[in-house]
N, C-alpha and C. Protein backbone atom coordinates (compact mmCIF):
# COMPACT_ATOMS: atom_id res chain seq x y z
N UNK A 1 231.36 135.57 199.33
CA UNK A 1 232.53 136.16 198.52
C UNK A 1 233.93 135.71 199.11
N UNK A 2 234.69 134.97 198.20
CA UNK A 2 235.97 134.50 198.58
C UNK A 2 236.82 135.68 198.99
N UNK A 3 237.79 135.31 199.93
CA UNK A 3 238.54 136.34 200.42
C UNK A 3 240.05 136.47 199.96
N UNK A 4 240.44 135.81 198.89
CA UNK A 4 241.80 135.79 198.54
C UNK A 4 241.87 135.38 197.14
N UNK A 5 243.01 136.07 196.40
CA UNK A 5 243.09 135.91 195.04
C UNK A 5 244.65 135.45 194.85
N UNK A 6 244.98 134.70 193.91
CA UNK A 6 246.26 134.35 193.47
C UNK A 6 246.32 134.45 191.91
N UNK A 7 247.55 134.32 191.22
CA UNK A 7 247.71 134.36 189.85
C UNK A 7 248.54 132.95 189.48
N UNK A 8 248.08 132.63 188.26
CA UNK A 8 248.92 131.34 187.66
C UNK A 8 249.10 131.65 186.23
N UNK A 9 249.87 130.97 185.74
CA UNK A 9 250.27 130.83 184.32
C UNK A 9 250.42 129.35 184.03
N UNK A 10 249.79 128.75 183.03
CA UNK A 10 250.14 127.39 182.44
C UNK A 10 251.26 127.80 181.47
N UNK A 11 252.47 127.23 181.66
CA UNK A 11 253.58 127.66 180.83
C UNK A 11 253.65 127.00 179.58
N UNK A 12 254.40 127.46 178.62
CA UNK A 12 254.53 127.02 177.12
C UNK A 12 254.73 125.40 177.19
N UNK A 13 255.48 124.78 178.05
CA UNK A 13 255.64 123.32 177.95
C UNK A 13 254.34 122.58 178.26
N UNK A 14 253.60 122.92 179.09
CA UNK A 14 252.33 122.38 179.54
C UNK A 14 251.24 122.57 178.18
N UNK A 15 251.28 123.86 177.75
CA UNK A 15 250.52 124.11 176.55
C UNK A 15 250.85 123.14 175.50
N UNK A 16 252.12 123.09 175.16
CA UNK A 16 252.62 122.27 174.05
C UNK A 16 252.19 120.82 174.25
N UNK A 17 252.16 120.37 175.56
CA UNK A 17 251.93 118.97 175.84
C UNK A 17 250.29 118.77 175.99
N UNK A 18 249.51 119.90 175.64
CA UNK A 18 248.13 119.67 175.62
C UNK A 18 247.47 119.27 177.05
N UNK A 19 248.10 119.96 178.12
CA UNK A 19 247.55 119.79 179.39
C UNK A 19 246.68 120.86 179.99
N UNK A 20 246.30 121.86 179.18
CA UNK A 20 245.56 122.92 179.69
C UNK A 20 244.30 122.46 180.39
N UNK A 21 243.41 121.60 179.83
CA UNK A 21 242.25 121.25 180.36
C UNK A 21 242.42 120.37 181.64
N UNK A 22 243.43 119.48 181.69
CA UNK A 22 243.69 118.78 182.88
C UNK A 22 244.15 119.64 183.94
N UNK A 23 244.98 120.41 183.64
CA UNK A 23 245.53 121.48 184.85
C UNK A 23 244.39 122.30 185.38
N UNK A 24 243.55 122.93 184.46
CA UNK A 24 242.30 123.68 184.91
C UNK A 24 241.40 122.72 185.71
N UNK A 25 241.12 121.60 185.44
CA UNK A 25 240.23 120.56 186.07
C UNK A 25 241.07 120.48 187.46
N UNK A 26 242.31 120.18 187.63
CA UNK A 26 242.85 120.12 188.92
C UNK A 26 242.68 121.38 189.78
N UNK A 27 242.75 122.51 189.25
CA UNK A 27 242.62 123.77 189.89
C UNK A 27 241.13 123.88 190.56
N UNK A 28 240.36 123.67 189.60
CA UNK A 28 238.91 123.80 189.89
C UNK A 28 238.36 122.82 190.93
N UNK A 29 238.97 121.55 190.80
CA UNK A 29 238.59 120.45 191.72
C UNK A 29 239.26 120.77 193.16
N UNK A 30 240.24 121.58 193.08
CA UNK A 30 240.87 121.88 194.49
C UNK A 30 240.05 123.00 195.10
N UNK A 31 238.99 123.51 194.52
CA UNK A 31 238.29 124.59 195.12
C UNK A 31 238.42 125.95 194.66
N UNK A 32 239.44 126.04 193.65
CA UNK A 32 239.57 127.49 193.28
C UNK A 32 238.44 127.90 192.15
N UNK A 33 238.18 129.07 192.19
CA UNK A 33 237.33 129.71 191.13
C UNK A 33 237.98 130.58 190.28
N UNK A 34 237.88 130.27 189.09
CA UNK A 34 238.52 131.14 188.02
C UNK A 34 237.97 132.42 187.86
N UNK A 35 238.50 133.56 187.98
CA UNK A 35 237.88 134.94 188.00
C UNK A 35 238.49 135.62 186.81
N UNK A 36 239.57 135.29 186.15
CA UNK A 36 240.09 135.73 184.99
C UNK A 36 240.73 134.70 184.13
N UNK A 37 240.75 134.58 182.86
CA UNK A 37 241.30 133.53 182.13
C UNK A 37 241.65 134.02 180.68
N UNK A 38 242.94 133.89 180.29
CA UNK A 38 243.30 134.46 179.15
C UNK A 38 244.45 133.50 178.52
N UNK A 39 244.18 133.15 177.18
CA UNK A 39 245.14 132.45 176.41
C UNK A 39 245.86 133.42 175.51
N UNK A 40 247.17 133.53 175.67
CA UNK A 40 247.95 134.57 175.04
C UNK A 40 249.37 134.18 174.76
N UNK A 41 250.15 134.94 174.16
CA UNK A 41 251.72 134.58 174.02
C UNK A 41 252.33 135.83 174.39
N UNK A 42 253.34 135.63 175.20
CA UNK A 42 254.26 136.70 175.82
C UNK A 42 255.39 136.96 174.71
N UNK A 43 255.66 138.29 174.39
CA UNK A 43 256.78 138.63 173.58
C UNK A 43 258.03 138.49 174.47
N UNK A 44 259.21 138.53 173.86
CA UNK A 44 260.46 138.42 174.69
C UNK A 44 260.53 139.61 175.54
N UNK A 45 260.01 140.76 175.24
CA UNK A 45 259.92 141.94 176.14
C UNK A 45 258.98 141.84 177.38
N UNK A 46 257.89 141.46 177.04
CA UNK A 46 256.95 141.12 178.09
C UNK A 46 257.36 139.99 179.00
N UNK A 47 258.02 138.85 178.67
CA UNK A 47 258.41 137.84 179.56
C UNK A 47 259.64 138.41 180.20
N UNK A 48 260.44 139.35 179.63
CA UNK A 48 261.43 139.81 180.38
C UNK A 48 261.05 140.80 181.71
N UNK A 49 260.08 141.53 181.14
CA UNK A 49 259.41 142.56 182.31
C UNK A 49 258.83 141.61 183.34
N UNK A 50 258.06 140.62 183.00
CA UNK A 50 257.27 140.00 184.08
C UNK A 50 258.30 139.34 184.88
N UNK A 51 259.42 138.67 184.46
CA UNK A 51 260.50 138.05 185.33
C UNK A 51 261.58 138.84 185.70
N UNK A 52 261.46 140.14 185.62
CA UNK A 52 262.50 141.06 185.96
C UNK A 52 263.04 140.99 187.26
N UNK A 53 262.26 140.42 188.24
CA UNK A 53 262.83 140.08 189.56
C UNK A 53 263.97 139.30 189.53
N UNK A 54 264.10 138.34 188.58
CA UNK A 54 265.09 137.45 188.35
C UNK A 54 266.21 137.79 187.39
N UNK A 55 266.30 139.10 186.94
CA UNK A 55 267.20 139.55 186.06
C UNK A 55 268.72 139.33 186.32
N UNK A 56 268.97 139.27 187.62
CA UNK A 56 270.39 139.06 187.89
C UNK A 56 270.80 137.67 188.08
N UNK A 57 269.85 136.79 188.04
CA UNK A 57 270.17 135.40 188.17
C UNK A 57 270.67 134.69 186.80
N UNK A 58 271.44 133.62 186.82
CA UNK A 58 271.96 133.06 185.66
C UNK A 58 271.02 132.56 184.78
N UNK A 59 269.91 132.03 185.23
CA UNK A 59 268.86 131.30 184.32
C UNK A 59 267.91 132.33 183.69
N UNK A 60 268.12 133.60 184.05
CA UNK A 60 266.85 134.76 183.50
C UNK A 60 266.98 134.68 181.98
N UNK A 61 267.99 134.54 181.26
CA UNK A 61 267.84 134.69 179.77
C UNK A 61 267.10 133.40 179.24
N UNK A 62 267.40 132.30 179.76
CA UNK A 62 266.72 130.99 179.35
C UNK A 62 265.35 131.05 179.82
N UNK A 63 265.03 131.67 180.87
CA UNK A 63 263.59 131.63 181.40
C UNK A 63 262.79 132.62 180.40
N UNK A 64 263.31 133.64 180.07
CA UNK A 64 262.60 134.48 179.19
C UNK A 64 262.53 133.99 177.79
N UNK A 65 263.51 133.36 177.30
CA UNK A 65 263.29 132.61 175.98
C UNK A 65 262.25 131.51 176.18
N UNK A 66 262.25 130.69 177.29
CA UNK A 66 261.28 129.73 177.40
C UNK A 66 259.83 130.29 177.45
N UNK A 67 259.72 131.25 178.32
CA UNK A 67 258.33 131.80 178.53
C UNK A 67 257.77 132.46 177.25
N UNK A 68 258.63 133.03 176.26
CA UNK A 68 258.18 133.60 175.21
C UNK A 68 258.10 132.74 173.92
N UNK A 69 258.31 131.57 174.03
CA UNK A 69 258.58 130.58 172.78
C UNK A 69 257.14 130.12 172.13
N UNK A 70 256.19 130.14 173.16
CA UNK A 70 254.81 129.71 172.75
C UNK A 70 253.78 130.31 173.69
N UNK A 71 252.46 129.88 173.28
CA UNK A 71 251.33 130.42 174.13
C UNK A 71 251.36 130.13 175.63
N UNK A 72 250.67 130.76 176.40
CA UNK A 72 250.51 130.40 177.80
C UNK A 72 248.98 130.73 178.30
N UNK A 73 248.58 130.12 179.38
CA UNK A 73 247.31 130.44 179.74
C UNK A 73 247.57 131.15 181.15
N UNK A 74 246.94 132.44 181.18
CA UNK A 74 247.10 133.28 182.59
C UNK A 74 245.78 133.04 183.13
N UNK A 75 245.79 133.04 184.49
CA UNK A 75 244.67 133.03 185.22
C UNK A 75 244.53 133.76 186.63
N UNK A 76 243.50 134.29 186.97
CA UNK A 76 243.33 134.78 188.44
C UNK A 76 242.48 133.73 189.05
N UNK A 77 242.88 133.39 190.19
CA UNK A 77 242.17 132.24 190.98
C UNK A 77 241.74 132.93 192.24
N UNK A 78 240.44 132.47 192.63
CA UNK A 78 239.93 132.93 193.99
C UNK A 78 239.62 131.72 194.82
N UNK A 79 240.04 131.87 195.94
CA UNK A 79 239.70 130.77 197.12
C UNK A 79 240.32 131.46 198.48
N UNK A 80 239.72 131.17 199.62
CA UNK A 80 240.30 131.51 200.84
C UNK A 80 241.72 130.94 200.88
N UNK A 81 242.62 131.73 201.37
CA UNK A 81 244.05 131.31 201.52
C UNK A 81 244.51 130.80 200.12
N UNK A 82 244.24 131.56 199.03
CA UNK A 82 244.54 131.19 197.74
C UNK A 82 246.04 131.01 197.49
N UNK A 83 246.98 131.88 197.80
CA UNK A 83 248.26 131.94 197.65
C UNK A 83 248.91 130.70 198.07
N UNK A 84 248.84 130.38 199.45
CA UNK A 84 249.39 129.31 200.03
C UNK A 84 248.65 127.92 199.42
N UNK A 85 247.42 127.85 199.32
CA UNK A 85 246.82 126.70 199.03
C UNK A 85 247.27 126.34 197.59
N UNK A 86 247.25 127.31 196.78
CA UNK A 86 247.87 127.18 195.28
C UNK A 86 249.30 126.65 195.25
N UNK A 87 250.12 127.27 196.03
CA UNK A 87 251.58 126.74 196.06
C UNK A 87 251.65 125.27 196.44
N UNK A 88 250.77 124.85 197.53
CA UNK A 88 250.64 123.39 197.62
C UNK A 88 250.24 122.57 196.64
N UNK A 89 249.11 122.98 195.76
CA UNK A 89 248.68 122.37 194.72
C UNK A 89 249.75 122.23 193.53
N UNK A 90 250.43 123.12 193.34
CA UNK A 90 251.43 123.15 192.22
C UNK A 90 252.69 122.23 192.50
N UNK A 91 253.17 122.23 193.83
CA UNK A 91 254.22 121.50 194.16
C UNK A 91 255.56 122.18 193.98
N UNK A 92 256.60 121.47 194.37
CA UNK A 92 258.01 122.05 194.22
C UNK A 92 258.38 122.39 192.94
N UNK A 93 259.21 123.51 192.68
CA UNK A 93 259.67 123.89 191.51
C UNK A 93 260.42 122.67 190.62
N UNK A 94 261.17 121.87 191.36
CA UNK A 94 261.66 120.70 190.70
C UNK A 94 260.76 119.56 190.81
N UNK A 95 260.16 119.09 189.79
CA UNK A 95 259.13 118.09 189.78
C UNK A 95 259.61 116.75 190.45
N UNK A 96 260.97 116.61 190.45
CA UNK A 96 261.48 115.32 191.18
C UNK A 96 261.28 115.35 192.71
N UNK A 97 261.18 116.64 193.20
CA UNK A 97 260.94 116.85 194.58
C UNK A 97 259.48 117.15 194.88
N UNK A 98 258.64 117.13 193.78
CA UNK A 98 257.28 117.63 194.16
C UNK A 98 256.45 116.45 194.65
N UNK A 99 255.55 116.62 195.61
CA UNK A 99 254.70 115.64 196.18
C UNK A 99 253.79 114.99 195.03
N UNK A 100 253.50 113.70 195.32
CA UNK A 100 252.38 113.08 194.33
C UNK A 100 251.25 113.86 194.43
N UNK A 101 250.54 113.87 193.35
CA UNK A 101 249.26 114.57 193.24
C UNK A 101 249.16 115.91 192.96
N UNK A 102 250.58 116.62 192.87
CA UNK A 102 250.60 118.00 192.61
C UNK A 102 250.69 118.19 191.07
N UNK A 103 250.52 119.49 190.78
CA UNK A 103 250.39 119.78 189.12
C UNK A 103 251.81 119.43 188.53
N UNK A 104 252.93 119.92 189.20
CA UNK A 104 254.26 119.82 188.72
C UNK A 104 254.67 118.31 188.63
N UNK A 105 254.33 117.54 189.67
CA UNK A 105 254.81 116.15 189.70
C UNK A 105 254.08 115.50 188.61
N UNK A 106 252.83 115.72 188.05
CA UNK A 106 252.10 115.11 187.20
C UNK A 106 252.47 115.67 185.72
N UNK A 107 252.72 117.04 185.58
CA UNK A 107 252.85 117.48 184.28
C UNK A 107 254.25 118.19 183.89
N UNK A 108 255.09 118.46 184.85
CA UNK A 108 256.33 119.23 184.54
C UNK A 108 257.29 118.30 183.85
N UNK A 109 257.95 118.88 183.05
CA UNK A 109 259.12 118.07 182.25
C UNK A 109 260.36 118.08 183.07
N UNK A 110 260.62 119.27 183.63
CA UNK A 110 262.06 119.41 184.40
C UNK A 110 261.82 120.52 185.25
N UNK A 111 262.91 120.91 185.97
CA UNK A 111 262.90 122.21 186.89
C UNK A 111 262.77 123.39 186.07
N UNK A 112 263.34 123.53 184.85
CA UNK A 112 263.18 124.63 184.08
C UNK A 112 261.82 124.77 183.22
N UNK A 113 261.39 123.56 183.01
CA UNK A 113 259.89 123.50 182.15
C UNK A 113 258.96 122.81 183.17
N UNK A 114 258.48 123.62 184.15
CA UNK A 114 257.80 123.01 185.30
C UNK A 114 256.27 123.31 185.17
N UNK A 115 255.73 123.50 183.92
CA UNK A 115 254.29 123.44 183.71
C UNK A 115 253.55 124.59 184.23
N UNK A 116 253.68 125.29 185.46
CA UNK A 116 252.91 126.40 185.87
C UNK A 116 253.69 127.38 186.78
N UNK A 117 253.36 128.45 186.67
CA UNK A 117 253.73 129.48 187.62
C UNK A 117 252.59 129.61 188.64
N UNK A 118 253.04 130.08 189.90
CA UNK A 118 252.11 130.30 190.88
C UNK A 118 252.64 131.50 191.78
N UNK A 119 251.98 132.50 191.98
CA UNK A 119 252.43 133.73 192.83
C UNK A 119 252.91 133.22 194.25
N UNK A 120 253.87 133.81 194.74
CA UNK A 120 254.47 133.48 196.11
C UNK A 120 253.98 134.33 197.26
N UNK A 121 253.10 135.36 196.91
CA UNK A 121 252.62 136.29 197.95
C UNK A 121 251.47 136.96 197.59
N UNK A 122 250.62 137.40 198.33
CA UNK A 122 249.36 138.20 198.03
C UNK A 122 249.88 139.37 197.17
N UNK A 123 250.95 140.03 197.69
CA UNK A 123 251.31 141.40 196.98
C UNK A 123 251.79 140.84 195.45
N UNK A 124 252.55 139.89 195.24
CA UNK A 124 252.92 139.51 193.92
C UNK A 124 251.71 139.03 193.05
N UNK A 125 250.75 138.32 193.83
CA UNK A 125 249.60 137.83 193.21
C UNK A 125 248.86 139.03 192.47
N UNK A 126 248.82 140.17 193.23
CA UNK A 126 248.11 141.30 192.72
C UNK A 126 248.88 142.02 191.60
N UNK A 127 250.24 142.08 191.83
CA UNK A 127 251.03 142.68 190.68
C UNK A 127 250.95 141.81 189.31
N UNK A 128 251.13 140.57 189.65
CA UNK A 128 251.28 139.66 188.32
C UNK A 128 249.73 139.58 187.71
N UNK A 129 248.68 139.63 188.50
CA UNK A 129 247.43 139.57 187.99
C UNK A 129 247.04 141.00 187.10
N UNK A 130 247.63 142.06 187.64
CA UNK A 130 247.47 143.36 186.97
C UNK A 130 248.47 143.31 185.70
N UNK A 131 249.45 142.61 185.58
CA UNK A 131 250.28 142.48 184.43
C UNK A 131 249.50 142.14 183.19
N UNK A 132 248.56 141.20 183.48
CA UNK A 132 247.80 140.32 182.50
C UNK A 132 246.38 140.84 182.29
N UNK A 133 245.65 141.33 183.32
CA UNK A 133 244.42 141.49 183.22
C UNK A 133 243.95 142.89 183.61
N UNK A 134 243.04 143.64 182.74
CA UNK A 134 242.49 144.82 183.21
C UNK A 134 241.26 144.48 184.11
N UNK A 135 240.72 145.54 184.82
CA UNK A 135 239.61 145.31 185.68
C UNK A 135 238.40 144.84 185.06
N UNK A 136 238.34 145.03 183.80
CA UNK A 136 237.04 144.56 183.01
C UNK A 136 237.20 143.02 182.63
N UNK A 137 238.27 142.48 182.87
CA UNK A 137 238.54 141.05 182.45
C UNK A 137 238.50 140.15 183.73
N UNK A 138 238.04 140.69 184.85
CA UNK A 138 238.02 139.91 186.08
C UNK A 138 236.53 139.86 186.51
N UNK A 139 236.18 138.78 187.08
CA UNK A 139 234.79 138.54 187.36
C UNK A 139 234.72 137.92 188.85
């Protein structure tokens, strides 16, 4: 049994660019097991709640608008050291600074449209996973 879980979202830009399959392939090839997966669309209110931690930042409104403009793919991933390993796999927020071979280097359009979200801590992974998935939707 794996010892750690993290949460990710494939963001609207990557969905629009038809990168769902390629991103999921990179995730599973890196050793992550998908234990929850959902194709959905956030309302403006849901996106605002999810990103509430950033509500005082100047980019908050744009972030909420972006994240609610189209469908996303939410996933709970399992792997030992999941949070840290996934952060390495996705790369820097700014794709110009992301290492070669990372998801953001390969698929992000810009710092604002950066293809994927990845939890930054075990605590946030649990909170974010609970936002999208009931216990009946995890395996």
